[in-house]
Amino acid sequence: MKSRLLIALTALAVATTMAACGQDSSKAAAEAKKAATEAADKAKESAMKAAEAAKDAANKAADATKDAAAKAVDATKDAAGKAVDAAKDAAAPKK
């Protein structure tokens, strides 16, 4: 009788321990899932900010390229005008 009681109490203790571990593991899994979700959200937010920064940088680079091209065109026009004036002076009859 004592051995049956001891076996029953041992089985109850083991079952209680396993149930407690099961609850802890479920809680740990829920916390891990929450942490993973938060990490994914932060990674998504970081990626969006990086894409925004890249877009801004590309726009600034395009604007700088347009400005440089406009200045190059102006310099070319100026140089061409001076070349034409020099050619006219060279072609003009000398007095």
N, C-alpha and C. Protein backbone atom coordinates (compact mmCIF):
# COMPACT_ATOMS: atom_id res chain seq x y z
N MET A 1 0.81 -1.18 0.00
CA MET A 1 0.00 0.00 0.00
C MET A 1 0.86 1.25 0.00
N LYS A 2 1.92 1.22 0.82
CA LYS A 2 2.80 2.37 0.87
C LYS A 2 3.49 2.59 -0.47
N SER A 3 3.86 1.52 -1.14
CA SER A 3 4.53 1.68 -2.42
C SER A 3 3.58 2.25 -3.46
N ARG A 4 2.30 1.85 -3.41
CA ARG A 4 1.33 2.42 -4.34
C ARG A 4 1.15 3.91 -4.07
N LEU A 5 1.09 4.28 -2.79
CA LEU A 5 0.96 5.69 -2.42
C LEU A 5 2.19 6.47 -2.86
N LEU A 6 3.35 5.89 -2.65
CA LEU A 6 4.60 6.52 -3.07
C LEU A 6 4.64 6.67 -4.59
N ILE A 7 4.24 5.67 -5.32
CA ILE A 7 4.20 5.73 -6.78
C ILE A 7 3.20 6.79 -7.24
N ALA A 8 2.05 6.84 -6.61
CA ALA A 8 1.02 7.82 -6.96
C ALA A 8 1.52 9.24 -6.68
N LEU A 9 2.14 9.43 -5.52
CA LEU A 9 2.68 10.76 -5.19
C LEU A 9 3.81 11.16 -6.13
N THR A 10 4.65 10.21 -6.48
CA THR A 10 5.74 10.48 -7.42
C THR A 10 5.18 10.83 -8.79
N ALA A 11 4.19 10.09 -9.24
CA ALA A 11 3.56 10.38 -10.54
C ALA A 11 2.92 11.76 -10.51
N LEU A 12 2.27 12.11 -9.40
CA LEU A 12 1.65 13.43 -9.27
C LEU A 12 2.71 14.52 -9.31
N ALA A 13 3.83 14.30 -8.61
CA ALA A 13 4.91 15.28 -8.60
C ALA A 13 5.50 15.46 -10.00
N VAL A 14 5.70 14.34 -10.69
CA VAL A 14 6.25 14.40 -12.05
C VAL A 14 5.27 15.12 -12.98
N ALA A 15 4.00 14.81 -12.87
CA ALA A 15 2.98 15.44 -13.71
C ALA A 15 2.91 16.94 -13.43
N THR A 16 2.97 17.31 -12.17
CA THR A 16 2.94 18.73 -11.80
C THR A 16 4.16 19.45 -12.34
N THR A 17 5.33 18.81 -12.22
CA THR A 17 6.57 19.41 -12.73
C THR A 17 6.51 19.58 -14.24
N MET A 18 6.02 18.56 -14.92
CA MET A 18 5.92 18.65 -16.39
C MET A 18 4.92 19.71 -16.80
N ALA A 19 3.82 19.83 -16.09
CA ALA A 19 2.83 20.85 -16.41
C ALA A 19 3.40 22.23 -16.19
N ALA A 20 4.16 22.40 -15.11
CA ALA A 20 4.78 23.69 -14.83
C ALA A 20 5.80 24.04 -15.90
N CYS A 21 6.58 23.07 -16.30
CA CYS A 21 7.55 23.32 -17.37
C CYS A 21 6.84 23.64 -18.68
N GLY A 22 5.74 22.98 -18.92
CA GLY A 22 4.97 23.25 -20.13
C GLY A 22 4.44 24.67 -20.16
N GLN A 23 3.99 25.15 -19.02
CA GLN A 23 3.50 26.53 -18.94
C GLN A 23 4.64 27.51 -19.13
N ASP A 24 5.78 27.20 -18.51
CA ASP A 24 6.94 28.08 -18.67
C ASP A 24 7.43 28.09 -20.11
N SER A 25 7.42 26.92 -20.73
CA SER A 25 7.89 26.89 -22.11
C SER A 25 6.91 27.60 -23.03
N SER A 26 5.63 27.50 -22.73
CA SER A 26 4.64 28.23 -23.53
C SER A 26 4.82 29.73 -23.35
N LYS A 27 5.07 30.13 -22.11
CA LYS A 27 5.29 31.55 -21.83
C LYS A 27 6.56 32.03 -22.52
N ALA A 28 7.60 31.22 -22.45
CA ALA A 28 8.86 31.57 -23.10
C ALA A 28 8.69 31.64 -24.61
N ALA A 29 7.93 30.73 -25.16
CA ALA A 29 7.67 30.75 -26.61
C ALA A 29 6.89 31.99 -27.00
N ALA A 30 5.92 32.36 -26.17
CA ALA A 30 5.13 33.57 -26.46
C ALA A 30 6.01 34.81 -26.39
N GLU A 31 6.89 34.86 -25.40
CA GLU A 31 7.81 36.00 -25.29
C GLU A 31 8.78 36.04 -26.45
N ALA A 32 9.26 34.87 -26.85
CA ALA A 32 10.18 34.81 -27.99
C ALA A 32 9.47 35.27 -29.27
N LYS A 33 8.22 34.86 -29.43
CA LYS A 33 7.44 35.27 -30.61
C LYS A 33 7.25 36.78 -30.61
N LYS A 34 6.95 37.33 -29.44
CA LYS A 34 6.76 38.78 -29.32
C LYS A 34 8.06 39.51 -29.66
N ALA A 35 9.18 39.02 -29.12
CA ALA A 35 10.47 39.64 -29.41
C ALA A 35 10.82 39.54 -30.88
N ALA A 36 10.52 38.41 -31.50
CA ALA A 36 10.80 38.25 -32.93
C ALA A 36 9.95 39.19 -33.77
N THR A 37 8.69 39.34 -33.37
CA THR A 37 7.80 40.27 -34.08
C THR A 37 8.30 41.70 -33.97
N GLU A 38 8.71 42.08 -32.76
CA GLU A 38 9.23 43.44 -32.57
C GLU A 38 10.51 43.65 -33.37
N ALA A 39 11.37 42.64 -33.39
CA ALA A 39 12.61 42.76 -34.17
C ALA A 39 12.31 42.88 -35.66
N ALA A 40 11.34 42.11 -36.13
CA ALA A 40 10.96 42.19 -37.55
C ALA A 40 10.39 43.56 -37.88
N ASP A 41 9.57 44.10 -36.98
CA ASP A 41 9.00 45.43 -37.20
C ASP A 41 10.10 46.49 -37.25
N LYS A 42 11.06 46.38 -36.34
CA LYS A 42 12.15 47.36 -36.32
C LYS A 42 13.03 47.21 -37.56
N ALA A 43 13.25 45.98 -38.00
CA ALA A 43 14.04 45.77 -39.22
C ALA A 43 13.31 46.36 -40.43
N LYS A 44 12.00 46.17 -40.46
CA LYS A 44 11.20 46.72 -41.57
C LYS A 44 11.27 48.25 -41.56
N GLU A 45 11.16 48.83 -40.37
CA GLU A 45 11.24 50.29 -40.24
C GLU A 45 12.61 50.80 -40.67
N SER A 46 13.66 50.10 -40.27
CA SER A 46 15.02 50.48 -40.66
C SER A 46 15.20 50.40 -42.18
N ALA A 47 14.65 49.35 -42.76
CA ALA A 47 14.76 49.20 -44.21
C ALA A 47 14.03 50.33 -44.93
N MET A 48 12.86 50.71 -44.40
CA MET A 48 12.11 51.81 -45.02
C MET A 48 12.89 53.12 -44.91
N LYS A 49 13.52 53.35 -43.75
CA LYS A 49 14.31 54.57 -43.58
C LYS A 49 15.53 54.57 -44.49
N ALA A 50 16.15 53.41 -44.66
CA ALA A 50 17.30 53.31 -45.55
C ALA A 50 16.89 53.56 -46.99
N ALA A 51 15.74 53.05 -47.39
CA ALA A 51 15.24 53.28 -48.75
C ALA A 51 14.94 54.76 -48.96
N GLU A 52 14.37 55.40 -47.94
CA GLU A 52 14.08 56.83 -48.03
C GLU A 52 15.37 57.63 -48.18
N ALA A 53 16.37 57.27 -47.38
CA ALA A 53 17.66 57.96 -47.45
C ALA A 53 18.31 57.77 -48.81
N ALA A 54 18.23 56.56 -49.34
CA ALA A 54 18.79 56.30 -50.67
C ALA A 54 18.07 57.10 -51.74
N LYS A 55 16.76 57.20 -51.61
CA LYS A 55 15.97 57.97 -52.58
C LYS A 55 16.36 59.44 -52.51
N ASP A 56 16.49 59.97 -51.30
CA ASP A 56 16.90 61.37 -51.14
C ASP A 56 18.28 61.61 -51.73
N ALA A 57 19.20 60.68 -51.47
CA ALA A 57 20.55 60.82 -52.00
C ALA A 57 20.55 60.78 -53.52
N ALA A 58 19.74 59.90 -54.09
CA ALA A 58 19.64 59.81 -55.55
C ALA A 58 19.08 61.11 -56.14
N ASN A 59 18.07 61.66 -55.48
CA ASN A 59 17.49 62.92 -55.95
C ASN A 59 18.51 64.05 -55.88
N LYS A 60 19.28 64.10 -54.79
CA LYS A 60 20.29 65.15 -54.66
C LYS A 60 21.39 64.97 -55.71
N ALA A 61 21.77 63.72 -55.96
CA ALA A 61 22.78 63.46 -56.98
C ALA A 61 22.28 63.86 -58.37
N ALA A 62 21.01 63.58 -58.64
CA ALA A 62 20.43 63.96 -59.94
C ALA A 62 20.41 65.48 -60.09
N ASP A 63 20.04 66.17 -59.01
CA ASP A 63 20.02 67.63 -59.06
C ASP A 63 21.42 68.19 -59.28
N ALA A 64 22.41 67.60 -58.59
CA ALA A 64 23.79 68.06 -58.76
C ALA A 64 24.28 67.79 -60.19
N THR A 65 23.88 66.67 -60.76
CA THR A 65 24.27 66.35 -62.14
C THR A 65 23.64 67.34 -63.11
N LYS A 66 22.36 67.66 -62.89
CA LYS A 66 21.70 68.65 -63.76
C LYS A 66 22.41 69.99 -63.68
N ASP A 67 22.76 70.40 -62.46
CA ASP A 67 23.44 71.69 -62.26
C ASP A 67 24.80 71.68 -62.96
N ALA A 68 25.54 70.60 -62.80
CA ALA A 68 26.85 70.50 -63.44
C ALA A 68 26.72 70.51 -64.96
N ALA A 69 25.72 69.83 -65.47
CA ALA A 69 25.51 69.80 -66.92
C ALA A 69 25.16 71.20 -67.44
N ALA A 70 24.32 71.91 -66.70
CA ALA A 70 23.95 73.27 -67.12
C ALA A 70 25.17 74.18 -67.13
N LYS A 71 26.02 74.04 -66.11
CA LYS A 71 27.23 74.86 -66.06
C LYS A 71 28.17 74.51 -67.21
N ALA A 72 28.25 73.23 -67.54
CA ALA A 72 29.11 72.80 -68.65
C ALA A 72 28.60 73.36 -69.97
N VAL A 73 27.28 73.36 -70.15
CA VAL A 73 26.69 73.93 -71.37
C VAL A 73 26.99 75.42 -71.45
N ASP A 74 26.85 76.13 -70.34
CA ASP A 74 27.14 77.56 -70.32
C ASP A 74 28.61 77.82 -70.65
N ALA A 75 29.49 77.02 -70.08
CA ALA A 75 30.92 77.20 -70.35
C ALA A 75 31.24 76.91 -71.81
N THR A 76 30.59 75.90 -72.37
CA THR A 76 30.81 75.56 -73.78
C THR A 76 30.32 76.69 -74.68
N LYS A 77 29.16 77.25 -74.38
CA LYS A 77 28.63 78.37 -75.16
C LYS A 77 29.57 79.56 -75.10
N ASP A 78 30.06 79.82 -73.89
CA ASP A 78 30.97 80.96 -73.71
C ASP A 78 32.25 80.73 -74.51
N ALA A 79 32.79 79.52 -74.42
CA ALA A 79 34.03 79.22 -75.16
C ALA A 79 33.79 79.27 -76.66
N ALA A 80 32.64 78.79 -77.11
CA ALA A 80 32.33 78.83 -78.54
C ALA A 80 32.19 80.27 -79.01
N GLY A 81 31.54 81.08 -78.20
CA GLY A 81 31.40 82.50 -78.57
C GLY A 81 32.75 83.19 -78.68
N LYS A 82 33.63 82.91 -77.76
CA LYS A 82 34.97 83.51 -77.80
C LYS A 82 35.75 82.99 -78.99
N ALA A 83 35.56 81.72 -79.34
CA ALA A 83 36.25 81.15 -80.50
C ALA A 83 35.76 81.81 -81.78
N VAL A 84 34.46 82.05 -81.87
CA VAL A 84 33.90 82.72 -83.06
C VAL A 84 34.45 84.14 -83.16
N ASP A 85 34.49 84.85 -82.03
CA ASP A 85 35.02 86.22 -82.05
C ASP A 85 36.49 86.21 -82.47
N ALA A 86 37.24 85.24 -81.98
CA ALA A 86 38.66 85.16 -82.35
C ALA A 86 38.82 84.85 -83.81
N ALA A 87 37.94 83.99 -84.36
CA ALA A 87 38.01 83.64 -85.78
C ALA A 87 37.64 84.86 -86.63
N LYS A 88 36.68 85.64 -86.20
CA LYS A 88 36.30 86.84 -86.94
C LYS A 88 37.45 87.83 -86.95
N ASP A 89 38.08 87.97 -85.81
CA ASP A 89 39.21 88.91 -85.72
C ASP A 89 40.35 88.44 -86.63
N ALA A 90 40.57 87.14 -86.67
CA ALA A 90 41.66 86.61 -87.49
C ALA A 90 41.33 86.73 -88.96
N ALA A 91 40.06 86.60 -89.33
CA ALA A 91 39.66 86.65 -90.74
C ALA A 91 39.49 88.09 -91.24
N ALA A 92 39.35 89.01 -90.35
CA ALA A 92 39.14 90.41 -90.77
C ALA A 92 40.40 90.95 -91.46
N PRO A 93 40.20 91.73 -92.49
CA PRO A 93 41.35 92.31 -93.16
C PRO A 93 42.09 93.26 -92.21
N LYS A 94 43.38 93.18 -92.28
CA LYS A 94 44.19 93.99 -91.40
C LYS A 94 44.46 95.33 -92.04
N LYS A 95 44.35 96.36 -91.26
CA LYS A 95 44.52 97.70 -91.80
C LYS A 95 45.88 98.22 -91.59
